Full PDB file with SEQRES, HELIX, SHEET, SSBOND, CRYST1, ORIGX, SCALE, CONECT and MASTER records, all heavy atoms in Angstrom:
SEQRES   1 A   31  PRO ALA LEU GLU PRO ILE PRO GLN PRO VAL ALA PRO ALA          
SEQRES   2 A   31  ARG PRO GLY PRO PRO PRO GLY PRO PRO PRO PRO PRO PRO          
SEQRES   3 A   31  PRO PRO PRO ILE ASN                                          
CRYST1    1.000    1.000    1.000  90.00  90.00  90.00 P 1           1          
ORIGX1      1.000000  0.000000  0.000000        0.00000                         
ORIGX2      0.000000  1.000000  0.000000        0.00000                         
ORIGX3      0.000000  0.000000  1.000000        0.00000                         
SCALE1      1.000000  0.000000  0.000000        0.00000                         
SCALE2      0.000000  1.000000  0.000000        0.00000                         
SCALE3      0.000000  0.000000  1.000000        0.00000                         
ATOM      1  N   PRO A   1     -19.165  -8.167   8.127  1.00  0.00           N  
ATOM      2  CA  PRO A   1     -19.246  -9.616   7.871  1.00  0.00           C  
ATOM      3  C   PRO A   1     -17.934 -10.096   7.227  1.00  0.00           C  
ATOM      4  O   PRO A   1     -17.580  -9.723   6.136  1.00  0.00           O  
ATOM      5  CB  PRO A   1     -20.414  -9.756   6.884  1.00  0.00           C  
ATOM      6  CG  PRO A   1     -20.507  -8.419   6.233  1.00  0.00           C  
ATOM      7  CD  PRO A   1     -20.034  -7.399   7.268  1.00  0.00           C  
ATOM      8  N   ALA A   2     -17.248 -10.956   7.907  1.00  0.00           N  
ATOM      9  CA  ALA A   2     -15.960 -11.548   7.390  1.00  0.00           C  
ATOM     10  C   ALA A   2     -15.845 -12.898   8.039  1.00  0.00           C  
ATOM     11  O   ALA A   2     -16.190 -13.179   9.152  1.00  0.00           O  
ATOM     12  CB  ALA A   2     -14.800 -10.612   7.788  1.00  0.00           C  
ATOM     13  N   LEU A   3     -15.298 -13.772   7.215  1.00  0.00           N  
ATOM     14  CA  LEU A   3     -15.081 -15.147   7.681  1.00  0.00           C  
ATOM     15  C   LEU A   3     -13.710 -15.228   8.343  1.00  0.00           C  
ATOM     16  O   LEU A   3     -12.770 -14.592   7.912  1.00  0.00           O  
ATOM     17  CB  LEU A   3     -15.154 -16.159   6.536  1.00  0.00           C  
ATOM     18  CG  LEU A   3     -16.509 -16.211   5.748  1.00  0.00           C  
ATOM     19  CD1 LEU A   3     -16.324 -17.144   4.583  1.00  0.00           C  
ATOM     20  CD2 LEU A   3     -17.517 -16.770   6.735  1.00  0.00           C  
ATOM     21  N   GLU A   4     -13.694 -15.942   9.367  1.00  0.00           N  
ATOM     22  CA  GLU A   4     -12.369 -16.156  10.050  1.00  0.00           C  
ATOM     23  C   GLU A   4     -11.560 -17.066   9.204  1.00  0.00           C  
ATOM     24  O   GLU A   4     -12.096 -18.000   8.629  1.00  0.00           O  
ATOM     25  CB  GLU A   4     -12.580 -16.760  11.446  1.00  0.00           C  
ATOM     26  CG  GLU A   4     -13.259 -15.890  12.423  1.00  0.00           C  
ATOM     27  CD  GLU A   4     -13.320 -16.464  13.809  1.00  0.00           C  
ATOM     28  OE1 GLU A   4     -12.538 -17.328  14.117  1.00  0.00           O  
ATOM     29  OE2 GLU A   4     -14.193 -16.035  14.537  1.00  0.00           O  
ATOM     30  N   PRO A   5     -10.274 -16.828   9.113  1.00  0.00           N  
ATOM     31  CA  PRO A   5      -9.469 -17.734   8.289  1.00  0.00           C  
ATOM     32  C   PRO A   5      -9.371 -19.084   8.918  1.00  0.00           C  
ATOM     33  O   PRO A   5      -9.239 -19.228  10.119  1.00  0.00           O  
ATOM     34  CB  PRO A   5      -8.048 -17.049   8.253  1.00  0.00           C  
ATOM     35  CG  PRO A   5      -8.101 -16.202   9.464  1.00  0.00           C  
ATOM     36  CD  PRO A   5      -9.489 -15.795   9.705  1.00  0.00           C  
ATOM     37  N   ILE A   6      -9.499 -20.114   8.058  1.00  0.00           N  
ATOM     38  CA  ILE A   6      -9.438 -21.490   8.493  1.00  0.00           C  
ATOM     39  C   ILE A   6      -7.965 -21.908   8.497  1.00  0.00           C  
ATOM     40  O   ILE A   6      -7.287 -21.742   7.491  1.00  0.00           O  
ATOM     41  CB  ILE A   6     -10.245 -22.414   7.556  1.00  0.00           C  
ATOM     42  CG1 ILE A   6     -11.735 -21.954   7.561  1.00  0.00           C  
ATOM     43  CG2 ILE A   6     -10.136 -23.814   7.965  1.00  0.00           C  
ATOM     44  CD1 ILE A   6     -12.567 -22.669   6.554  1.00  0.00           C  
ATOM     45  N   PRO A   7      -7.489 -22.444   9.604  1.00  0.00           N  
ATOM     46  CA  PRO A   7      -6.105 -22.796   9.628  1.00  0.00           C  
ATOM     47  C   PRO A   7      -5.857 -23.980   8.672  1.00  0.00           C  
ATOM     48  O   PRO A   7      -6.661 -24.954   8.721  1.00  0.00           O  
ATOM     49  CB  PRO A   7      -5.834 -23.193  11.107  1.00  0.00           C  
ATOM     50  CG  PRO A   7      -7.193 -23.438  11.702  1.00  0.00           C  
ATOM     51  CD  PRO A   7      -8.177 -22.600  10.909  1.00  0.00           C  
ATOM     52  N   GLN A   8      -4.822 -23.926   7.894  1.00  0.00           N  
ATOM     53  CA  GLN A   8      -4.506 -24.968   6.975  1.00  0.00           C  
ATOM     54  C   GLN A   8      -3.797 -26.093   7.725  1.00  0.00           C  
ATOM     55  O   GLN A   8      -2.936 -25.820   8.555  1.00  0.00           O  
ATOM     56  CB  GLN A   8      -3.618 -24.463   5.819  1.00  0.00           C  
ATOM     57  CG  GLN A   8      -4.305 -23.412   5.001  1.00  0.00           C  
ATOM     58  CD  GLN A   8      -5.527 -23.923   4.235  1.00  0.00           C  
ATOM     59  OE1 GLN A   8      -5.476 -25.081   3.830  1.00  0.00           O  
ATOM     60  NE2 GLN A   8      -6.541 -23.147   4.109  1.00  0.00           N  
ATOM     61  N   PRO A   9      -4.143 -27.333   7.445  1.00  0.00           N  
ATOM     62  CA  PRO A   9      -3.443 -28.444   8.113  1.00  0.00           C  
ATOM     63  C   PRO A   9      -1.989 -28.497   7.618  1.00  0.00           C  
ATOM     64  O   PRO A   9      -1.692 -28.276   6.440  1.00  0.00           O  
ATOM     65  CB  PRO A   9      -4.247 -29.665   7.719  1.00  0.00           C  
ATOM     66  CG  PRO A   9      -4.966 -29.285   6.452  1.00  0.00           C  
ATOM     67  CD  PRO A   9      -5.146 -27.845   6.552  1.00  0.00           C  
ATOM     68  N   VAL A  10      -1.131 -28.838   8.528  1.00  0.00           N  
ATOM     69  CA  VAL A  10       0.259 -28.941   8.202  1.00  0.00           C  
ATOM     70  C   VAL A  10       0.509 -30.324   7.618  1.00  0.00           C  
ATOM     71  O   VAL A  10       0.125 -31.344   8.201  1.00  0.00           O  
ATOM     72  CB  VAL A  10       1.137 -28.748   9.451  1.00  0.00           C  
ATOM     73  CG1 VAL A  10       2.606 -28.920   9.150  1.00  0.00           C  
ATOM     74  CG2 VAL A  10       0.872 -27.384  10.063  1.00  0.00           C  
ATOM     75  N   ALA A  11       1.148 -30.353   6.480  1.00  0.00           N  
ATOM     76  CA  ALA A  11       1.389 -31.597   5.792  1.00  0.00           C  
ATOM     77  C   ALA A  11       2.473 -32.357   6.578  1.00  0.00           C  
ATOM     78  O   ALA A  11       3.505 -31.767   7.000  1.00  0.00           O  
ATOM     79  CB  ALA A  11       1.862 -31.393   4.330  1.00  0.00           C  
ATOM     80  N   PRO A  12       2.295 -33.659   6.830  1.00  0.00           N  
ATOM     81  CA  PRO A  12       3.301 -34.361   7.605  1.00  0.00           C  
ATOM     82  C   PRO A  12       4.557 -34.518   6.776  1.00  0.00           C  
ATOM     83  O   PRO A  12       4.507 -34.491   5.524  1.00  0.00           O  
ATOM     84  CB  PRO A  12       2.644 -35.756   7.836  1.00  0.00           C  
ATOM     85  CG  PRO A  12       1.630 -35.884   6.775  1.00  0.00           C  
ATOM     86  CD  PRO A  12       1.147 -34.466   6.439  1.00  0.00           C  
ATOM     87  N   ALA A  13       5.689 -34.616   7.448  1.00  0.00           N  
ATOM     88  CA  ALA A  13       6.976 -34.745   6.753  1.00  0.00           C  
ATOM     89  C   ALA A  13       6.962 -36.021   5.959  1.00  0.00           C  
ATOM     90  O   ALA A  13       6.483 -37.081   6.379  1.00  0.00           O  
ATOM     91  CB  ALA A  13       8.078 -34.766   7.762  1.00  0.00           C  
ATOM     92  N   ARG A  14       7.439 -35.938   4.729  1.00  0.00           N  
ATOM     93  CA  ARG A  14       7.476 -37.080   3.874  1.00  0.00           C  
ATOM     94  C   ARG A  14       8.590 -37.982   4.280  1.00  0.00           C  
ATOM     95  O   ARG A  14       9.758 -37.610   4.288  1.00  0.00           O  
ATOM     96  CB  ARG A  14       7.599 -36.702   2.399  1.00  0.00           C  
ATOM     97  CG  ARG A  14       6.414 -36.019   1.875  1.00  0.00           C  
ATOM     98  CD  ARG A  14       6.526 -35.797   0.425  1.00  0.00           C  
ATOM     99  NE  ARG A  14       5.304 -35.168  -0.087  1.00  0.00           N  
ATOM    100  CZ  ARG A  14       5.010 -35.080  -1.325  1.00  0.00           C  
ATOM    101  NH1 ARG A  14       5.848 -35.616  -2.239  1.00  0.00           N  
ATOM    102  NH2 ARG A  14       3.915 -34.494  -1.724  1.00  0.00           N  
ATOM    103  N   PRO A  15       8.270 -39.216   4.614  1.00  0.00           N  
ATOM    104  CA  PRO A  15       9.357 -40.144   4.998  1.00  0.00           C  
ATOM    105  C   PRO A  15      10.110 -40.622   3.738  1.00  0.00           C  
ATOM    106  O   PRO A  15       9.674 -40.360   2.595  1.00  0.00           O  
ATOM    107  CB  PRO A  15       8.648 -41.310   5.646  1.00  0.00           C  
ATOM    108  CG  PRO A  15       7.289 -41.287   4.979  1.00  0.00           C  
ATOM    109  CD  PRO A  15       6.997 -39.837   4.695  1.00  0.00           C  
ATOM    110  N   GLY A  16      11.298 -41.204   3.995  1.00  0.00           N  
ATOM    111  CA  GLY A  16      12.104 -41.683   2.865  1.00  0.00           C  
ATOM    112  C   GLY A  16      11.367 -42.798   2.223  1.00  0.00           C  
ATOM    113  O   GLY A  16      10.212 -43.075   2.460  1.00  0.00           O  
ATOM    114  N   PRO A  17      12.063 -43.442   1.307  1.00  0.00           N  
ATOM    115  CA  PRO A  17      11.459 -44.567   0.643  1.00  0.00           C  
ATOM    116  C   PRO A  17      11.055 -45.681   1.646  1.00  0.00           C  
ATOM    117  O   PRO A  17      11.707 -45.831   2.687  1.00  0.00           O  
ATOM    118  CB  PRO A  17      12.531 -45.088  -0.330  1.00  0.00           C  
ATOM    119  CG  PRO A  17      13.799 -44.546   0.222  1.00  0.00           C  
ATOM    120  CD  PRO A  17      13.464 -43.298   0.971  1.00  0.00           C  
ATOM    121  N   PRO A  18      10.005 -46.387   1.328  1.00  0.00           N  
ATOM    122  CA  PRO A  18       9.582 -47.392   2.299  1.00  0.00           C  
ATOM    123  C   PRO A  18      10.630 -48.472   2.399  1.00  0.00           C  
ATOM    124  O   PRO A  18      11.368 -48.771   1.476  1.00  0.00           O  
ATOM    125  CB  PRO A  18       8.311 -48.007   1.683  1.00  0.00           C  
ATOM    126  CG  PRO A  18       8.380 -47.653   0.193  1.00  0.00           C  
ATOM    127  CD  PRO A  18       9.184 -46.379   0.151  1.00  0.00           C  
ATOM    128  N   PRO A  19      10.761 -49.022   3.621  1.00  0.00           N  
ATOM    129  CA  PRO A  19      11.792 -50.037   3.802  1.00  0.00           C  
ATOM    130  C   PRO A  19      11.498 -51.268   2.938  1.00  0.00           C  
ATOM    131  O   PRO A  19      10.365 -51.647   2.767  1.00  0.00           O  
ATOM    132  CB  PRO A  19      11.782 -50.343   5.287  1.00  0.00           C  
ATOM    133  CG  PRO A  19      10.386 -49.924   5.689  1.00  0.00           C  
ATOM    134  CD  PRO A  19       9.975 -48.807   4.789  1.00  0.00           C  
ATOM    135  N   GLY A  20      12.547 -51.824   2.420  1.00  0.00           N  
ATOM    136  CA  GLY A  20      12.393 -52.977   1.608  1.00  0.00           C  
ATOM    137  C   GLY A  20      12.042 -54.196   2.454  1.00  0.00           C  
ATOM    138  O   GLY A  20      11.928 -54.140   3.687  1.00  0.00           O  
ATOM    139  N   PRO A  21      11.850 -55.297   1.790  1.00  0.00           N  
ATOM    140  CA  PRO A  21      11.516 -56.544   2.577  1.00  0.00           C  
ATOM    141  C   PRO A  21      12.696 -56.880   3.451  1.00  0.00           C  
ATOM    142  O   PRO A  21      13.849 -56.584   3.088  1.00  0.00           O  
ATOM    143  CB  PRO A  21      11.227 -57.570   1.514  1.00  0.00           C  
ATOM    144  CG  PRO A  21      11.911 -57.072   0.297  1.00  0.00           C  
ATOM    145  CD  PRO A  21      11.913 -55.549   0.345  1.00  0.00           C  
ATOM    146  N   PRO A  22      12.488 -57.510   4.580  1.00  0.00           N  
ATOM    147  CA  PRO A  22      13.591 -57.864   5.434  1.00  0.00           C  
ATOM    148  C   PRO A  22      14.504 -58.910   4.718  1.00  0.00           C  
ATOM    149  O   PRO A  22      13.990 -59.689   3.865  1.00  0.00           O  
ATOM    150  CB  PRO A  22      12.946 -58.431   6.639  1.00  0.00           C  
ATOM    151  CG  PRO A  22      11.616 -58.922   6.165  1.00  0.00           C  
ATOM    152  CD  PRO A  22      11.210 -57.951   5.102  1.00  0.00           C  
ATOM    153  N   PRO A  23      15.761 -58.876   5.049  1.00  0.00           N  
ATOM    154  CA  PRO A  23      16.618 -59.836   4.416  1.00  0.00           C  
ATOM    155  C   PRO A  23      16.235 -61.269   4.771  1.00  0.00           C  
ATOM    156  O   PRO A  23      15.656 -61.499   5.815  1.00  0.00           O  
ATOM    157  CB  PRO A  23      18.016 -59.496   4.940  1.00  0.00           C  
ATOM    158  CG  PRO A  23      17.795 -58.794   6.213  1.00  0.00           C  
ATOM    159  CD  PRO A  23      16.435 -58.091   6.047  1.00  0.00           C  
ATOM    160  N   PRO A  24      16.514 -62.169   3.899  1.00  0.00           N  
ATOM    161  CA  PRO A  24      16.117 -63.591   4.220  1.00  0.00           C  
ATOM    162  C   PRO A  24      16.926 -64.046   5.415  1.00  0.00           C  
ATOM    163  O   PRO A  24      18.080 -63.633   5.667  1.00  0.00           O  
ATOM    164  CB  PRO A  24      16.486 -64.388   2.937  1.00  0.00           C  
ATOM    165  CG  PRO A  24      17.504 -63.524   2.249  1.00  0.00           C  
ATOM    166  CD  PRO A  24      17.181 -62.103   2.590  1.00  0.00           C  
ATOM    167  N   PRO A  25      16.355 -64.933   6.163  1.00  0.00           N  
ATOM    168  CA  PRO A  25      17.061 -65.397   7.341  1.00  0.00           C  
ATOM    169  C   PRO A  25      18.264 -66.233   6.928  1.00  0.00           C  
ATOM    170  O   PRO A  25      18.220 -66.875   5.838  1.00  0.00           O  
ATOM    171  CB  PRO A  25      16.075 -66.248   8.129  1.00  0.00           C  
ATOM    172  CG  PRO A  25      15.079 -66.643   7.067  1.00  0.00           C  
ATOM    173  CD  PRO A  25      15.042 -65.529   6.056  1.00  0.00           C  
ATOM    174  N   PRO A  26      19.344 -66.303   7.711  1.00  0.00           N  
ATOM    175  CA  PRO A  26      20.459 -67.075   7.330  1.00  0.00           C  
ATOM    176  C   PRO A  26      20.119 -68.560   7.342  1.00  0.00           C  
ATOM    177  O   PRO A  26      19.213 -68.996   8.093  1.00  0.00           O  
ATOM    178  CB  PRO A  26      21.530 -66.773   8.375  1.00  0.00           C  
ATOM    179  CG  PRO A  26      20.731 -66.255   9.567  1.00  0.00           C  
ATOM    180  CD  PRO A  26      19.522 -65.666   8.984  1.00  0.00           C  
ATOM    181  N   PRO A  27      20.714 -69.339   6.504  1.00  0.00           N  
ATOM    182  CA  PRO A  27      20.432 -70.725   6.437  1.00  0.00           C  
ATOM    183  C   PRO A  27      20.812 -71.408   7.802  1.00  0.00           C  
ATOM    184  O   PRO A  27      21.714 -70.949   8.498  1.00  0.00           O  
ATOM    185  CB  PRO A  27      21.273 -71.317   5.284  1.00  0.00           C  
ATOM    186  CG  PRO A  27      22.347 -70.336   5.122  1.00  0.00           C  
ATOM    187  CD  PRO A  27      21.777 -69.029   5.578  1.00  0.00           C  
ATOM    188  N   PRO A  28      20.162 -72.421   8.179  1.00  0.00           N  
ATOM    189  CA  PRO A  28      20.447 -73.080   9.464  1.00  0.00           C  
ATOM    190  C   PRO A  28      21.884 -73.722   9.367  1.00  0.00           C  
ATOM    191  O   PRO A  28      22.297 -74.169   8.315  1.00  0.00           O  
ATOM    192  CB  PRO A  28      19.407 -74.152   9.584  1.00  0.00           C  
ATOM    193  CG  PRO A  28      18.888 -74.415   8.203  1.00  0.00           C  
ATOM    194  CD  PRO A  28      19.059 -73.156   7.473  1.00  0.00           C  
ATOM    195  N   PRO A  29      22.532 -73.708  10.507  1.00  0.00           N  
ATOM    196  CA  PRO A  29      23.892 -74.311  10.501  1.00  0.00           C  
ATOM    197  C   PRO A  29      23.807 -75.795  10.268  1.00  0.00           C  
ATOM    198  O   PRO A  29      22.883 -76.415  10.652  1.00  0.00           O  
ATOM    199  CB  PRO A  29      24.488 -73.926  11.827  1.00  0.00           C  
ATOM    200  CG  PRO A  29      23.239 -73.724  12.684  1.00  0.00           C  
ATOM    201  CD  PRO A  29      22.174 -73.202  11.798  1.00  0.00           C  
ATOM    202  N   ILE A  30      24.869 -76.325   9.717  1.00  0.00           N  
ATOM    203  CA  ILE A  30      24.989 -77.807   9.528  1.00  0.00           C  
ATOM    204  C   ILE A  30      25.518 -78.338  10.855  1.00  0.00           C  
ATOM    205  O   ILE A  30      26.640 -77.979  11.286  1.00  0.00           O  
ATOM    206  CB  ILE A  30      25.886 -78.119   8.344  1.00  0.00           C  
ATOM    207  CG1 ILE A  30      25.295 -77.575   7.078  1.00  0.00           C  
ATOM    208  CG2 ILE A  30      26.115 -79.628   8.278  1.00  0.00           C  
ATOM    209  CD1 ILE A  30      26.173 -77.696   5.816  1.00  0.00           C  
ATOM    210  N   ASN A  31      24.762 -79.132  11.508  1.00  0.00           N  
ATOM    211  CA  ASN A  31      25.123 -79.634  12.833  1.00  0.00           C  
ATOM    212  C   ASN A  31      25.730 -81.006  12.790  1.00  0.00           C  
ATOM    213  O   ASN A  31      25.381 -81.917  13.568  1.00  0.00           O  
ATOM    214  CB  ASN A  31      23.967 -79.554  13.838  1.00  0.00           C  
ATOM    215  CG  ASN A  31      22.753 -80.307  13.328  1.00  0.00           C  
ATOM    216  OD1 ASN A  31      22.781 -80.811  12.209  1.00  0.00           O  
ATOM    217  ND2 ASN A  31      21.712 -80.445  14.141  1.00  0.00           N  
TER     218      ASN A  31                                                      
MASTER        0    0    0    0    0    0    0    6  217    1    0    3          
END                                                                             
């Protein structure tokens, strides 16, 4: 009687820091 080893889940690669908010859009040109 022996239990089969349970495969351990592979931890996903840690991504870098989350991307910040997108830069504000440029102001509209003066026409």
